[in-house]
Protein backbone atom coordinates (compact mmCIF):
# COMPACT_ATOMS: atom_id res chain seq x y z
CA UNK A 1 130.42 171.84 110.39
CA UNK A 2 131.31 172.54 114.01
CA UNK A 3 128.62 171.32 116.55
CA UNK A 4 129.17 171.99 120.24
CA UNK A 5 127.20 170.93 122.98
CA UNK A 6 127.33 173.28 126.48
CA UNK A 7 127.51 169.51 128.69
CA UNK A 8 131.54 168.80 129.92
CA UNK A 9 132.43 168.30 126.64
CA UNK A 10 132.82 170.34 123.53
CA UNK A 11 132.07 167.95 120.45
CA UNK A 12 133.29 169.24 116.88
CA UNK A 13 132.37 167.94 113.78
CA UNK A 14 134.19 169.27 110.54
CA UNK A 15 133.54 168.20 107.21
CA UNK A 16 134.61 169.90 103.71
CA UNK A 17 131.25 171.56 102.57
CA UNK A 18 131.30 173.59 106.50
CA UNK A 19 131.92 176.81 105.37
CA UNK A 20 132.58 179.31 108.89
CA UNK A 21 132.23 182.99 107.83
CA UNK A 22 132.88 186.23 110.03
CA UNK A 23 132.81 189.31 108.06
CA UNK A 24 133.37 188.64 104.58
CA UNK A 25 135.93 185.99 105.72
CA UNK A 26 135.30 182.22 104.58
CA UNK A 27 137.07 179.70 106.75
CA UNK A 28 139.86 176.96 105.33
CA UNK A 29 138.20 173.73 104.96
CA UNK A 30 140.47 170.71 106.33
CA UNK A 31 142.31 168.29 104.01
CA UNK A 32 140.94 165.29 103.44
CA UNK A 33 143.54 163.24 101.45
CA UNK A 34 141.63 160.20 98.90
CA UNK A 35 143.13 157.61 101.18
CA UNK A 36 141.90 158.85 104.24
CA UNK A 37 139.08 157.34 106.07
CA UNK A 38 138.60 154.92 103.57
CA UNK A 39 138.53 151.41 103.95
CA UNK A 40 140.45 149.32 100.82
CA UNK A 41 138.20 145.62 99.48
CA UNK A 42 140.45 143.34 97.24
CA UNK A 43 136.70 142.04 95.43
CA UNK A 44 138.33 139.23 94.26
CA UNK A 45 139.06 137.96 97.57
CA UNK A 46 136.49 139.49 99.65
CA UNK A 47 139.35 141.19 102.00
CA UNK A 48 138.87 143.95 104.32
CA UNK A 49 141.93 145.88 105.06
CA UNK A 50 142.38 148.45 107.53
CA UNK A 51 143.17 151.96 106.28
CA UNK A 52 146.28 153.62 107.30
CA UNK A 53 144.94 157.22 108.76
CA UNK A 54 147.30 160.52 108.91
CA UNK A 55 147.34 163.73 110.93
CA UNK A 56 149.55 166.49 110.66
CA UNK A 57 149.60 168.96 113.44
CA UNK A 58 151.31 172.01 113.21
CA UNK A 59 151.60 174.08 116.91
CA UNK A 60 153.18 177.58 117.92
CA UNK A 61 153.06 179.16 121.20
CA UNK A 62 152.01 182.35 122.45
CA UNK A 63 148.97 184.63 120.55
CA UNK A 64 148.27 187.94 122.08
CA UNK A 65 145.88 190.07 120.02
CA UNK A 66 145.92 192.84 122.50
CA UNK A 67 147.90 196.11 123.73
CA UNK A 68 147.66 196.52 127.11
CA UNK A 69 146.03 199.74 128.34
CA UNK A 70 149.05 200.91 130.33
CA UNK A 71 151.60 200.21 127.32
CA UNK A 72 152.25 202.89 124.45
CA UNK A 73 149.61 202.55 122.27
CA UNK A 74 151.87 203.76 119.20
CA UNK A 75 154.07 200.86 119.01
CA UNK A 76 151.20 198.04 119.84
CA UNK A 77 149.50 195.38 118.36
CA UNK A 78 146.84 197.42 118.06
CA UNK A 79 148.11 200.34 116.21
CA UNK A 80 149.61 197.75 113.22
CA UNK A 81 146.05 196.11 112.92
CA UNK A 82 144.86 199.69 112.42
CA UNK A 83 147.83 200.40 109.93
CA UNK A 84 147.60 196.95 108.13
CA UNK A 85 145.04 195.31 108.94
CA UNK A 86 144.66 191.47 110.60
CA UNK A 87 145.84 189.77 107.72
CA UNK A 88 149.34 191.31 108.02
CA UNK A 89 149.96 189.31 111.07
CA UNK A 90 150.41 185.85 109.87
CA UNK A 91 150.85 186.80 106.27
CA UNK A 92 155.07 185.21 107.05
CA UNK A 93 153.23 181.75 108.17
CA UNK A 94 150.44 181.00 106.37
CA UNK A 95 151.53 179.26 103.70
CA UNK A 96 153.60 176.89 106.23
CA UNK A 97 150.33 176.74 108.27
CA UNK A 98 148.44 176.04 104.80
CA UNK A 99 149.90 172.62 104.57
CA UNK A 100 148.77 171.17 107.67
CA UNK A 101 145.60 169.62 108.89
CA UNK A 102 145.07 171.46 112.04
CA UNK A 103 147.19 174.11 113.22
CA UNK A 104 146.88 175.23 116.98
CA UNK A 105 148.06 177.82 119.05
CA UNK A 106 147.57 179.04 122.55
CA UNK A 107 145.24 182.41 121.88
CA UNK A 108 146.71 183.85 125.63
CA UNK A 109 144.14 186.99 125.96
CA UNK A 110 140.57 187.82 124.92
CA UNK A 111 138.49 189.00 122.29
CA UNK A 112 135.53 191.26 123.65
CA UNK A 113 134.31 195.03 124.31
CA UNK A 114 133.21 193.99 127.76
CA UNK A 115 134.25 193.60 131.37
CA UNK A 116 136.33 195.11 133.73
CA UNK A 117 139.94 194.83 133.43
CA UNK A 118 141.76 192.07 136.28
CA UNK A 119 143.80 193.54 138.80
CA UNK A 120 146.89 192.42 137.58
CA UNK A 121 150.05 193.68 135.77
CA UNK A 122 149.03 192.85 132.68
CA UNK A 123 145.98 192.84 131.08
CA UNK A 124 144.96 191.81 127.17
CA UNK A 125 141.68 192.60 125.34
CA UNK A 126 141.44 192.98 121.78
CA UNK A 127 138.71 194.04 119.26
CA UNK A 128 136.47 190.88 118.53
CA UNK A 129 137.53 191.55 115.07
CA UNK A 130 140.95 190.58 115.37
CA UNK A 131 139.67 186.60 115.34
CA UNK A 132 140.48 187.36 111.48
CA UNK A 133 143.97 187.23 112.23
CA UNK A 134 143.50 183.28 112.94
CA UNK A 135 140.76 182.45 109.91
CA UNK A 136 142.89 184.83 107.40
CA UNK A 137 146.01 182.66 108.07
CA UNK A 138 144.97 178.58 108.09
CA UNK A 139 144.74 178.40 111.80
CA UNK A 140 142.10 176.04 113.13
CA UNK A 141 142.65 175.55 117.15
CA UNK A 142 143.37 177.51 119.82
CA UNK A 143 144.10 176.90 123.71
CA UNK A 144 142.46 178.64 126.01
CA UNK A 145 143.60 177.55 128.97
CA UNK A 146 146.07 180.49 130.37
CA UNK A 147 146.41 182.73 132.44
CA UNK A 148 144.99 185.60 130.42
CA UNK A 149 141.92 184.15 128.98
CA UNK A 150 139.86 186.26 131.77
CA UNK A 151 141.46 188.89 131.98
CA UNK A 152 138.65 191.23 131.82
CA UNK A 153 136.74 188.87 133.83
CA UNK A 154 134.59 185.92 132.84
CA UNK A 155 132.52 187.78 130.71
CA UNK A 156 135.39 188.69 127.96
CA UNK A 157 136.24 184.48 128.39
CA UNK A 158 132.85 183.52 127.17
CA UNK A 159 132.69 186.14 124.12
CA UNK A 160 136.63 184.82 123.30
CA UNK A 161 134.69 181.83 122.73
CA UNK A 162 131.55 182.98 121.18
CA UNK A 163 134.23 184.94 118.68
CA UNK A 164 135.72 182.03 118.08
CA UNK A 165 132.86 179.64 117.84
CA UNK A 166 131.22 182.18 114.84
CA UNK A 167 135.11 182.37 112.93
CA UNK A 168 134.90 178.10 112.96
CA UNK A 169 137.88 177.90 115.32
CA UNK A 170 138.13 174.97 117.74
CA UNK A 171 139.15 175.51 120.93
CA UNK A 172 139.77 174.17 124.63
CA UNK A 173 139.82 174.66 127.89
CA UNK A 174 139.53 172.58 130.99
CA UNK A 175 137.79 169.64 131.55
CA UNK A 176 134.00 172.02 130.32
CA UNK A 177 135.61 172.24 126.96
CA UNK A 178 137.21 169.63 125.43
CA UNK A 179 137.34 169.30 121.97
CA UNK A 180 136.48 166.24 120.02
CA UNK A 181 136.58 166.65 116.36
CA UNK A 182 137.21 164.23 113.27
CA UNK A 183 139.62 165.14 110.55
CA UNK A 184 140.93 162.31 107.88
CA UNK A 185 138.85 160.08 109.20
CA UNK A 186 140.36 160.45 112.76
CA UNK A 187 138.62 161.41 116.11
CA UNK A 188 141.28 163.88 117.50
CA UNK A 189 141.03 165.33 120.89
CA UNK A 190 141.86 168.78 121.81
CA UNK A 191 142.61 169.84 125.74
CA UNK A 192 144.04 172.33 127.43
CA UNK A 193 145.19 172.91 130.94
CA UNK A 194 146.37 175.83 132.77
CA UNK A 195 148.33 174.26 135.42
CA UNK A 196 149.09 177.48 137.10
CA UNK A 197 145.99 177.24 137.95
CA UNK A 198 146.05 175.14 141.14
CA UNK A 199 142.20 173.67 140.89
CA UNK A 200 142.80 173.67 137.25
CA UNK A 201 146.05 171.44 137.44
CA UNK A 202 144.17 168.56 139.42
CA UNK A 203 141.86 168.08 136.46
CA UNK A 204 144.46 167.22 133.98
CA UNK A 205 144.13 163.59 134.70
CA UNK A 206 140.09 164.00 134.20
CA UNK A 207 140.43 166.00 130.82
CA UNK A 208 142.51 163.57 129.26
CA UNK A 209 140.36 160.68 130.33
CA UNK A 210 137.40 162.20 129.42
CA UNK A 211 138.67 162.78 125.74
CA UNK A 212 139.59 159.40 125.14
CA UNK A 213 136.15 157.82 126.83
CA UNK A 214 134.44 160.05 124.45
CA UNK A 215 136.22 158.31 121.42
CA UNK A 216 139.52 160.17 120.56
CA UNK A 217 141.93 158.17 118.74
CA UNK A 218 144.76 161.09 119.35
CA UNK A 219 144.78 163.41 122.08
CA UNK A 220 147.12 166.63 121.81
CA UNK A 221 147.44 168.30 125.59
CA UNK A 222 148.00 171.93 125.68
CA UNK A 223 148.87 173.05 128.73
CA UNK A 224 150.56 176.26 130.46
CA UNK A 225 153.27 176.16 133.15
CA UNK A 226 156.79 176.81 133.79
CA UNK A 227 158.56 179.46 134.47
CA UNK A 228 158.86 182.70 133.01
CA UNK A 229 162.20 183.61 130.82
CA UNK A 230 163.12 179.88 132.29
CA UNK A 231 165.02 177.97 129.40
CA UNK A 232 164.75 174.69 130.95
CA UNK A 233 161.49 172.85 132.68
CA UNK A 234 161.33 172.10 136.29
CA UNK A 235 161.02 169.33 137.74
CA UNK A 236 157.00 169.41 138.27
CA UNK A 237 156.82 170.16 134.33
CA UNK A 238 158.87 167.05 133.55
CA UNK A 239 156.94 165.17 136.14
CA UNK A 240 153.41 166.00 134.58
CA UNK A 241 154.14 165.25 130.99
CA UNK A 242 154.94 162.40 131.80
CA UNK A 243 151.79 161.90 133.56
CA UNK A 244 149.89 163.51 130.85
CA UNK A 245 151.37 160.67 128.39
CA UNK A 246 151.00 157.95 130.74
CA UNK A 247 146.97 159.11 131.12
CA UNK A 248 146.74 158.75 127.27
CA UNK A 249 147.54 162.04 125.58
CA UNK A 250 149.82 161.72 122.45
CA UNK A 251 150.97 165.42 122.09
CA UNK A 252 152.25 167.65 124.73
CA UNK A 253 152.37 171.38 124.50
CA UNK A 254 153.71 173.87 126.43
CA UNK A 255 153.56 177.35 126.50
CA UNK A 256 153.97 180.20 129.56
CA UNK A 257 157.49 180.81 129.97
CA UNK A 258 157.69 183.24 126.90
CA UNK A 259 161.00 181.65 125.32
CA UNK A 260 162.22 178.04 124.10
CA UNK A 261 162.47 175.21 125.98
CA UNK A 262 163.97 172.10 124.79
CA UNK A 263 161.69 168.47 123.38
CA UNK A 264 161.79 165.51 125.00
CA UNK A 265 160.34 161.93 123.83
CA UNK A 266 158.94 159.38 126.02
CA UNK A 267 157.14 156.38 125.59
CA UNK A 268 157.13 157.44 121.46
CA UNK A 269 155.26 160.32 122.38
CA UNK A 270 156.91 164.20 121.85
CA UNK A 271 156.97 166.83 124.65
CA UNK A 272 157.35 170.44 123.73
CA UNK A 273 158.43 171.86 126.89
CA UNK A 274 158.35 175.51 125.31
CA UNK A 275 157.28 177.21 122.10
CA UNK A 276 157.85 180.71 123.45
CA UNK A 277 155.84 183.51 121.69
CA UNK A 278 154.47 183.71 118.70
CA UNK A 279 152.21 186.49 117.16
CA UNK A 280 152.96 188.45 120.58
CA UNK A 281 150.88 191.96 121.45
CA UNK A 282 152.20 191.39 124.93
CA UNK A 283 155.43 193.50 124.83
CA UNK A 284 157.65 195.45 121.96
CA UNK A 285 160.34 194.79 122.62
CA UNK A 286 160.84 191.64 124.26
CA UNK A 287 164.52 190.83 125.22
CA UNK A 288 164.17 187.21 123.30
CA UNK A 289 162.41 187.22 120.19
CA UNK A 290 163.41 183.54 119.41
CA UNK A 291 160.57 180.75 118.97
CA UNK A 292 159.88 177.64 116.98
CA UNK A 293 157.19 176.25 114.76
CA UNK A 294 156.72 172.51 115.52
CA UNK A 295 154.82 169.90 113.35
CA UNK A 296 154.29 166.46 113.91
CA UNK A 297 152.34 163.83 111.29
CA UNK A 298 150.74 161.16 113.72
CA UNK A 299 149.73 157.86 111.23
CA UNK A 300 147.40 155.69 112.58
CA UNK A 301 147.96 151.97 111.34
CA UNK A 302 145.30 148.74 112.51
CA UNK A 303 147.94 148.68 114.64
CA UNK A 304 146.99 151.55 116.70
CA UNK A 305 149.47 155.26 116.64
CA UNK A 306 152.74 154.65 115.05
CA UNK A 307 155.79 154.91 117.36
CA UNK A 308 157.93 157.39 114.89
CA UNK A 309 159.42 160.45 114.32
CA UNK A 310 157.82 162.28 111.72
CA UNK A 311 158.66 165.71 113.68
CA UNK A 312 159.61 168.91 111.96
CA UNK A 313 161.01 171.99 113.92
CA UNK A 314 160.85 175.09 112.03
CA UNK A 315 163.33 178.14 114.15
CA UNK A 316 161.30 181.37 113.68
CA UNK A 317 161.61 185.25 115.02
CA UNK A 318 158.54 186.77 116.52
CA UNK A 319 159.28 189.83 114.45
CA UNK A 320 159.70 190.55 110.99
CA UNK A 321 162.21 193.38 112.03
CA UNK A 322 165.45 193.42 114.10
CA UNK A 323 165.56 194.91 117.22
CA UNK A 324 162.25 195.70 118.02
CA UNK A 325 158.77 193.82 117.89
CA UNK A 326 156.53 194.15 114.63
CA UNK A 327 154.26 191.51 115.75
CA UNK A 328 154.68 189.37 112.04
CA UNK A 329 156.45 185.68 112.93
CA UNK A 330 158.74 184.87 110.38
CA UNK A 331 161.25 181.84 109.45
CA UNK A 332 164.70 182.58 110.58
CA UNK A 333 167.17 182.12 107.64
CA UNK A 334 170.81 182.37 107.50
CA UNK A 335 172.78 182.64 110.65
CA UNK A 336 169.79 183.64 112.57
CA UNK A 337 168.36 180.06 111.62
CA UNK A 338 171.48 178.29 112.57
CA UNK A 339 171.73 179.84 116.29
CA UNK A 340 168.54 178.93 116.85
CA UNK A 341 168.82 175.11 115.95
CA UNK A 342 171.43 175.63 117.97
CA UNK A 343 169.65 176.63 121.39
CA UNK A 344 167.10 174.42 120.87
CA UNK A 345 169.07 171.26 120.47
CA UNK A 346 171.86 172.36 123.19
CA UNK A 347 168.24 172.42 125.69
CA UNK A 348 166.65 169.19 124.13
CA UNK A 349 170.10 167.30 124.75
CA UNK A 350 169.58 168.30 128.28
CA UNK A 351 166.10 166.26 128.63
CA UNK A 352 167.63 163.64 126.87
CA UNK A 353 169.06 161.77 123.47
CA UNK A 354 166.98 163.30 120.94
CA UNK A 355 167.69 164.20 117.09
CA UNK A 356 165.44 166.98 115.82
CA UNK A 357 165.10 167.49 112.48
CA UNK A 358 164.92 170.85 111.52
CA UNK A 359 163.38 172.82 108.26
């Protein structure tokens, strides 16, 4: 069940009996291990022990479910949707997404059949039915804080939120759309900030504080920032990431550069500076098609959030085909996997001493 308010916060509660339906699709039920959210009581001694609770989160980069009006339709995302259906796009990573408790994507674009195209180089408006690409592939949350969330005006953003809500997909954007949800007995806060937006960037601290004040035990920040095609974060992004963690963020997920950047661990918290593209309808032949899936398992004990390294990186390509984008992200294999691992390791080493676990 998902409950939302129209105030400054979006309050979401997920229970195992909830079912959200779009068309004929039934939404995935979030996993709740038997050990989660339970208090163990030793009856003979009358001792109450605090539970150990865990949350496994998966994050990926830019997902754009549309073809720009000025691009070739024959080679675009839309033609693939018409040919293969929406289940096609994330079929090669669905198994990975199904293993976790929460999968988050950066949804860069809109789902709407209304609005006028903004005067910009690229604008993306996908058919509302494309939401099924998320629901059919075990995606539970979408960041909408990016520079394409209102490509067809504010009405297209409103529509996107509406269709995500109907599909049972959580979303976050700025201080008026902070999502608080309970998973495995853990209150999780999802915060989205478009750092490219001058006004929104000033609300970074406020948004994180709002999530904490609403009881979030784990705060996940999705942040859209940086320079396109840059393989390293700038000083401003590094400073913003550290500020976010100082304010209470437990994971920072960066997007916008369209290429991979390195990872950093700061005060026990992970920063993904850029996860690159993922299921990206914005370009049928991008120059760099490497990407990665980030996964972290958080452990909460009576002493708080554990400072551990339960992190896994899964190297991928945004396409199952070589030489062009078929909009079907796929785990990398063989020499390609090794090459992407080496790239990520190189980018990460420039940010500090951090050993990553690849799968």
